[in-house]
């Protein structure tokens, strides 16, 4: 098993977020389900921290969970 320091990490985002956000309802279940689907569709191996943070930032900017 490789260690985190042995990988080169690049900043990534999930593809197709505009379409995802057009379909989202402003509730936590909808947002959580969308994020889970994006994570599950990503081929392995993947380090998704930056993509998840970008998704969360967009949720916040759009005020979906206020």
PDB file of N, CA and C in Angstrom:
ATOM      1  N   UNK A   1       0.851  -1.179   0.000  1.00  0.00           N
ATOM      2  CA  UNK A   1       0.000   0.000   0.000  1.00  0.00           C
ATOM      3  C   UNK A   1       0.895   1.241   0.000  1.00  0.00           C
ATOM      4  N   UNK A   2       0.563   2.170  -0.842  1.00  0.00           N
ATOM      5  CA  UNK A   2       1.318   3.413  -0.927  1.00  0.00           C
ATOM      6  C   UNK A   2       0.855   4.380   0.156  1.00  0.00           C
ATOM      7  N   UNK A   3       1.769   5.209   0.582  1.00  0.00           N
ATOM      8  CA  UNK A   3       1.460   6.226   1.582  1.00  0.00           C
ATOM      9  C   UNK A   3       1.101   7.534   0.893  1.00  0.00           C
ATOM     10  N   UNK A   4       0.387   8.384   1.604  1.00  0.00           N
ATOM     11  CA  UNK A   4      -0.075   9.646   1.045  1.00  0.00           C
ATOM     12  C   UNK A   4       1.080  10.468   0.475  1.00  0.00           C
ATOM     13  N   UNK A   5       2.204  10.508   1.151  1.00  0.00           N
ATOM     14  CA  UNK A   5       3.354  11.285   0.696  1.00  0.00           C
ATOM     15  C   UNK A   5       3.992  10.748  -0.564  1.00  0.00           C
ATOM     16  N   UNK A   6       3.638   9.543  -0.970  1.00  0.00           N
ATOM     17  CA  UNK A   6       4.207   8.930  -2.168  1.00  0.00           C
ATOM     18  C   UNK A   6       3.407   9.262  -3.427  1.00  0.00           C
ATOM     19  N   UNK A   7       2.344   9.997  -3.290  1.00  0.00           N
ATOM     20  CA  UNK A   7       1.505  10.366  -4.430  1.00  0.00           C
ATOM     21  C   UNK A   7       1.692  11.845  -4.745  1.00  0.00           C
ATOM     22  N   UNK A   8       1.619  12.156  -6.019  1.00  0.00           N
ATOM     23  CA  UNK A   8       1.566  13.571  -6.380  1.00  0.00           C
ATOM     24  C   UNK A   8       0.094  13.948  -6.453  1.00  0.00           C
ATOM     25  N   UNK A   9      -0.261  14.968  -5.723  1.00  0.00           N
ATOM     26  CA  UNK A   9      -1.655  15.385  -5.646  1.00  0.00           C
ATOM     27  C   UNK A   9      -1.895  16.606  -6.504  1.00  0.00           C
ATOM     28  N   UNK A  10      -2.999  16.576  -7.218  1.00  0.00           N
ATOM     29  CA  UNK A  10      -3.373  17.739  -8.007  1.00  0.00           C
ATOM     30  C   UNK A  10      -4.767  18.171  -7.565  1.00  0.00           C
ATOM     31  N   UNK A  11      -5.016  19.455  -7.657  1.00  0.00           N
ATOM     32  CA  UNK A  11      -6.322  19.985  -7.280  1.00  0.00           C
ATOM     33  C   UNK A  11      -7.340  19.516  -8.315  1.00  0.00           C
ATOM     34  N   UNK A  12      -8.401  18.908  -7.835  1.00  0.00           N
ATOM     35  CA  UNK A  12      -9.399  18.380  -8.756  1.00  0.00           C
ATOM     36  C   UNK A  12     -10.794  18.837  -8.353  1.00  0.00           C
ATOM     37  N   UNK A  13     -11.700  18.768  -9.308  1.00  0.00           N
ATOM     38  CA  UNK A  13     -13.108  19.047  -9.051  1.00  0.00           C
ATOM     39  C   UNK A  13     -13.916  17.964  -9.754  1.00  0.00           C
ATOM     40  N   UNK A  14     -15.156  17.796  -9.337  1.00  0.00           N
ATOM     41  CA  UNK A  14     -16.042  16.851  -9.994  1.00  0.00           C
ATOM     42  C   UNK A  14     -16.525  17.459 -11.302  1.00  0.00           C
ATOM     43  N   UNK A  15     -16.621  16.656 -12.330  1.00  0.00           N
ATOM     44  CA  UNK A  15     -17.147  17.125 -13.605  1.00  0.00           C
ATOM     45  C   UNK A  15     -18.664  17.218 -13.577  1.00  0.00           C
ATOM     46  N   UNK A  16     -19.221  18.071 -14.384  1.00  0.00           N
ATOM     47  CA  UNK A  16     -20.666  18.172 -14.527  1.00  0.00           C
ATOM     48  C   UNK A  16     -21.401  18.795 -13.359  1.00  0.00           C
ATOM     49  N   UNK A  17     -20.721  19.622 -12.578  1.00  0.00           N
ATOM     50  CA  UNK A  17     -21.359  20.196 -11.392  1.00  0.00           C
ATOM     51  C   UNK A  17     -22.507  21.143 -11.730  1.00  0.00           C
ATOM     52  N   UNK A  18     -22.420  21.842 -12.846  1.00  0.00           N
ATOM     53  CA  UNK A  18     -23.514  22.756 -13.208  1.00  0.00           C
ATOM     54  C   UNK A  18     -24.823  21.986 -13.349  1.00  0.00           C
ATOM     55  N   UNK A  19     -24.777  20.844 -14.010  1.00  0.00           N
ATOM     56  CA  UNK A  19     -25.982  20.025 -14.184  1.00  0.00           C
ATOM     57  C   UNK A  19     -26.462  19.466 -12.848  1.00  0.00           C
ATOM     58  N   UNK A  20     -25.523  19.066 -12.000  1.00  0.00           N
ATOM     59  CA  UNK A  20     -25.880  18.533 -10.680  1.00  0.00           C
ATOM     60  C   UNK A  20     -26.600  19.602  -9.863  1.00  0.00           C
ATOM     61  N   UNK A  21     -26.054  20.817  -9.849  1.00  0.00           N
ATOM     62  CA  UNK A  21     -26.640  21.871  -9.029  1.00  0.00           C
ATOM     63  C   UNK A  21     -27.984  22.362  -9.572  1.00  0.00           C
ATOM     64  N   UNK A  22     -28.216  22.225 -10.869  1.00  0.00           N
ATOM     65  CA  UNK A  22     -29.515  22.606 -11.424  1.00  0.00           C
ATOM     66  C   UNK A  22     -30.617  21.676 -10.931  1.00  0.00           C
ATOM     67  N   UNK A  23     -30.263  20.430 -10.596  1.00  0.00           N
ATOM     68  CA  UNK A  23     -31.248  19.442 -10.164  1.00  0.00           C
ATOM     69  C   UNK A  23     -31.391  19.353  -8.648  1.00  0.00           C
ATOM     70  N   UNK A  24     -30.498  19.986  -7.903  1.00  0.00           N
ATOM     71  CA  UNK A  24     -30.511  19.868  -6.446  1.00  0.00           C
ATOM     72  C   UNK A  24     -31.675  20.604  -5.808  1.00  0.00           C
ATOM     73  N   UNK A  25     -32.247  19.975  -4.801  1.00  0.00           N
ATOM     74  CA  UNK A  25     -33.242  20.627  -3.961  1.00  0.00           C
ATOM     75  C   UNK A  25     -32.513  21.197  -2.757  1.00  0.00           C
ATOM     76  N   UNK A  26     -33.019  22.265  -2.173  1.00  0.00           N
ATOM     77  CA  UNK A  26     -32.324  22.887  -1.040  1.00  0.00           C
ATOM     78  C   UNK A  26     -32.565  22.162   0.287  1.00  0.00           C
ATOM     79  N   UNK A  27     -32.177  20.881   0.335  1.00  0.00           N
ATOM     80  CA  UNK A  27     -32.271  20.137   1.592  1.00  0.00           C
ATOM     81  C   UNK A  27     -31.043  19.227   1.720  1.00  0.00           C
ATOM     82  N   UNK A  28     -30.714  18.874   2.934  1.00  0.00           N
ATOM     83  CA  UNK A  28     -29.485  18.138   3.183  1.00  0.00           C
ATOM     84  C   UNK A  28     -29.494  16.746   2.552  1.00  0.00           C
ATOM     85  N   UNK A  29     -30.642  16.094   2.507  1.00  0.00           N
ATOM     86  CA  UNK A  29     -30.681  14.755   1.908  1.00  0.00           C
ATOM     87  C   UNK A  29     -30.327  14.795   0.423  1.00  0.00           C
ATOM     88  N   UNK A  30     -30.855  15.753  -0.290  1.00  0.00           N
ATOM     89  CA  UNK A  30     -30.570  15.904  -1.718  1.00  0.00           C
ATOM     90  C   UNK A  30     -29.093  16.223  -1.954  1.00  0.00           C
ATOM     91  N   UNK A  31     -28.555  17.127  -1.152  1.00  0.00           N
ATOM     92  CA  UNK A  31     -27.146  17.518  -1.286  1.00  0.00           C
ATOM     93  C   UNK A  31     -26.238  16.338  -0.955  1.00  0.00           C
ATOM     94  N   UNK A  32     -26.535  15.633   0.130  1.00  0.00           N
ATOM     95  CA  UNK A  32     -25.719  14.485   0.527  1.00  0.00           C
ATOM     96  C   UNK A  32     -25.754  13.383  -0.525  1.00  0.00           C
ATOM     97  N   UNK A  33     -26.924  13.122  -1.068  1.00  0.00           N
ATOM     98  CA  UNK A  33     -27.052  12.091  -2.095  1.00  0.00           C
ATOM     99  C   UNK A  33     -26.258  12.459  -3.340  1.00  0.00           C
ATOM    100  N   UNK A  34     -26.324  13.716  -3.745  1.00  0.00           N
ATOM    101  CA  UNK A  34     -25.581  14.163  -4.929  1.00  0.00           C
ATOM    102  C   UNK A  34     -24.079  14.004  -4.717  1.00  0.00           C
ATOM    103  N   UNK A  35     -23.589  14.396  -3.545  1.00  0.00           N
ATOM    104  CA  UNK A  35     -22.157  14.257  -3.263  1.00  0.00           C
ATOM    105  C   UNK A  35     -21.749  12.787  -3.256  1.00  0.00           C
ATOM    106  N   UNK A  36     -22.541  11.936  -2.647  1.00  0.00           N
ATOM    107  CA  UNK A  36     -22.236  10.507  -2.612  1.00  0.00           C
ATOM    108  C   UNK A  36     -22.158   9.938  -4.024  1.00  0.00           C
ATOM    109  N   UNK A  37     -23.098  10.302  -4.881  1.00  0.00           N
ATOM    110  CA  UNK A  37     -23.087   9.809  -6.265  1.00  0.00           C
ATOM    111  C   UNK A  37     -21.847  10.278  -7.011  1.00  0.00           C
ATOM    112  N   UNK A  38     -21.450  11.522  -6.798  1.00  0.00           N
ATOM    113  CA  UNK A  38     -20.231  12.028  -7.446  1.00  0.00           C
ATOM    114  C   UNK A  38     -19.008  11.246  -6.980  1.00  0.00           C
ATOM    115  N   UNK A  39     -18.929  10.987  -5.694  1.00  0.00           N
ATOM    116  CA  UNK A  39     -17.794  10.235  -5.144  1.00  0.00           C
ATOM    117  C   UNK A  39     -17.783   8.817  -5.703  1.00  0.00           C
ATOM    118  N   UNK A  40     -18.938   8.165  -5.730  1.00  0.00           N
ATOM    119  CA  UNK A  40     -19.002   6.784  -6.193  1.00  0.00           C
ATOM    120  C   UNK A  40     -18.709   6.644  -7.685  1.00  0.00           C
ATOM    121  N   UNK A  41     -18.981   7.672  -8.476  1.00  0.00           N
ATOM    122  CA  UNK A  41     -18.728   7.631  -9.915  1.00  0.00           C
ATOM    123  C   UNK A  41     -17.259   7.863 -10.267  1.00  0.00           C
ATOM    124  N   UNK A  42     -16.477   8.338  -9.306  1.00  0.00           N
ATOM    125  CA  UNK A  42     -15.074   8.642  -9.564  1.00  0.00           C
ATOM    126  C   UNK A  42     -14.256   7.360  -9.590  1.00  0.00           C
ATOM    127  N   UNK A  43     -13.492   7.146 -10.664  1.00  0.00           N
ATOM    128  CA  UNK A  43     -12.671   5.937 -10.740  1.00  0.00           C
ATOM    129  C   UNK A  43     -11.598   5.920  -9.653  1.00  0.00           C
ATOM    130  N   UNK A  44     -11.299   4.730  -9.165  1.00  0.00           N
ATOM    131  CA  UNK A  44     -10.246   4.573  -8.157  1.00  0.00           C
ATOM    132  C   UNK A  44      -8.917   4.353  -8.858  1.00  0.00           C
ATOM    133  N   UNK A  45      -7.831   4.633  -8.240  1.00  0.00           N
ATOM    134  CA  UNK A  45      -7.685   5.347  -6.976  1.00  0.00           C
ATOM    135  C   UNK A  45      -7.880   6.843  -7.177  1.00  0.00           C
ATOM    136  N   UNK A  46      -8.381   7.489  -6.177  1.00  0.00           N
ATOM    137  CA  UNK A  46      -8.629   8.929  -6.258  1.00  0.00           C
ATOM    138  C   UNK A  46      -8.494   9.557  -4.880  1.00  0.00           C
ATOM    139  N   UNK A  47      -7.972  10.751  -4.835  1.00  0.00           N
ATOM    140  CA  UNK A  47      -7.897  11.546  -3.613  1.00  0.00           C
ATOM    141  C   UNK A  47      -8.829  12.729  -3.838  1.00  0.00           C
ATOM    142  N   UNK A  48      -9.987  12.718  -3.203  1.00  0.00           N
ATOM    143  CA  UNK A  48     -11.069  13.639  -3.540  1.00  0.00           C
ATOM    144  C   UNK A  48     -11.242  14.810  -2.591  1.00  0.00           C
ATOM    145  N   UNK A  49     -10.294  15.038  -1.710  1.00  0.00           N
ATOM    146  CA  UNK A  49     -10.467  16.106  -0.728  1.00  0.00           C
ATOM    147  C   UNK A  49     -10.737  17.448  -1.395  1.00  0.00           C
ATOM    148  N   UNK A  50      -9.954  17.828  -2.381  1.00  0.00           N
ATOM    149  CA  UNK A  50     -10.161  19.141  -3.012  1.00  0.00           C
ATOM    150  C   UNK A  50     -11.487  19.183  -3.772  1.00  0.00           C
ATOM    151  N   UNK A  51     -11.889  18.083  -4.392  1.00  0.00           N
ATOM    152  CA  UNK A  51     -13.165  18.045  -5.109  1.00  0.00           C
ATOM    153  C   UNK A  51     -14.341  18.169  -4.145  1.00  0.00           C
ATOM    154  N   UNK A  52     -14.257  17.494  -3.013  1.00  0.00           N
ATOM    155  CA  UNK A  52     -15.325  17.568  -2.016  1.00  0.00           C
ATOM    156  C   UNK A  52     -15.399  18.973  -1.422  1.00  0.00           C
ATOM    157  N   UNK A  53     -14.243  19.559  -1.120  1.00  0.00           N
ATOM    158  CA  UNK A  53     -14.234  20.923  -0.583  1.00  0.00           C
ATOM    159  C   UNK A  53     -14.829  21.904  -1.579  1.00  0.00           C
ATOM    160  N   UNK A  54     -14.532  21.737  -2.856  1.00  0.00           N
ATOM    161  CA  UNK A  54     -15.097  22.599  -3.893  1.00  0.00           C
ATOM    162  C   UNK A  54     -16.617  22.443  -3.940  1.00  0.00           C
ATOM    163  N   UNK A  55     -17.109  21.211  -3.851  1.00  0.00           N
ATOM    164  CA  UNK A  55     -18.548  20.960  -3.831  1.00  0.00           C
ATOM    165  C   UNK A  55     -19.200  21.647  -2.634  1.00  0.00           C
ATOM    166  N   UNK A  56     -18.618  21.489  -1.462  1.00  0.00           N
ATOM    167  CA  UNK A  56     -19.159  22.099  -0.242  1.00  0.00           C
ATOM    168  C   UNK A  56     -19.156  23.624  -0.359  1.00  0.00           C
ATOM    169  N   UNK A  57     -18.102  24.170  -0.937  1.00  0.00           N
ATOM    170  CA  UNK A  57     -18.026  25.622  -1.133  1.00  0.00           C
ATOM    171  C   UNK A  57     -19.143  26.102  -2.054  1.00  0.00           C
ATOM    172  N   UNK A  58     -19.426  25.344  -3.109  1.00  0.00           N
ATOM    173  CA  UNK A  58     -20.499  25.728  -4.030  1.00  0.00           C
ATOM    174  C   UNK A  58     -21.868  25.639  -3.354  1.00  0.00           C
ATOM    175  N   UNK A  59     -22.066  24.614  -2.525  1.00  0.00           N
ATOM    176  CA  UNK A  59     -23.322  24.491  -1.771  1.00  0.00           C
ATOM    177  C   UNK A  59     -23.506  25.723  -0.894  1.00  0.00           C
ATOM    178  N   UNK A  60     -22.426  26.128  -0.244  1.00  0.00           N
ATOM    179  CA  UNK A  60     -22.472  27.301   0.633  1.00  0.00           C
ATOM    180  C   UNK A  60     -22.754  28.585  -0.171  1.00  0.00           C
ATOM    181  N   UNK A  61     -22.059  28.761  -1.285  1.00  0.00           N
ATOM    182  CA  UNK A  61     -22.239  29.955  -2.106  1.00  0.00           C
ATOM    183  C   UNK A  61     -23.673  30.068  -2.635  1.00  0.00           C
ATOM    184  N   UNK A  62     -24.264  28.930  -2.961  1.00  0.00           N
ATOM    185  CA  UNK A  62     -25.631  28.933  -3.490  1.00  0.00           C
ATOM    186  C   UNK A  62     -26.689  28.955  -2.388  1.00  0.00           C
ATOM    187  N   UNK A  63     -26.259  28.868  -1.139  1.00  0.00           N
ATOM    188  CA  UNK A  63     -27.171  28.942  -0.014  1.00  0.00           C
ATOM    189  C   UNK A  63     -28.173  27.798   0.067  1.00  0.00           C
ATOM    190  N   UNK A  64     -27.749  26.613  -0.366  1.00  0.00           N
ATOM    191  CA  UNK A  64     -28.672  25.490  -0.427  1.00  0.00           C
ATOM    192  C   UNK A  64     -29.069  24.937   0.932  1.00  0.00           C
ATOM    193  N   UNK A  65     -28.243  25.117   1.943  1.00  0.00           N
ATOM    194  CA  UNK A  65     -28.540  24.534   3.252  1.00  0.00           C
ATOM    195  C   UNK A  65     -28.748  25.577   4.334  1.00  0.00           C
ATOM    196  N   UNK A  66     -29.190  26.742   3.979  1.00  0.00           N
ATOM    197  CA  UNK A  66     -29.408  27.803   4.967  1.00  0.00           C
ATOM    198  C   UNK A  66     -30.743  27.639   5.655  1.00  0.00           C
TER     199      UNK A  66
END
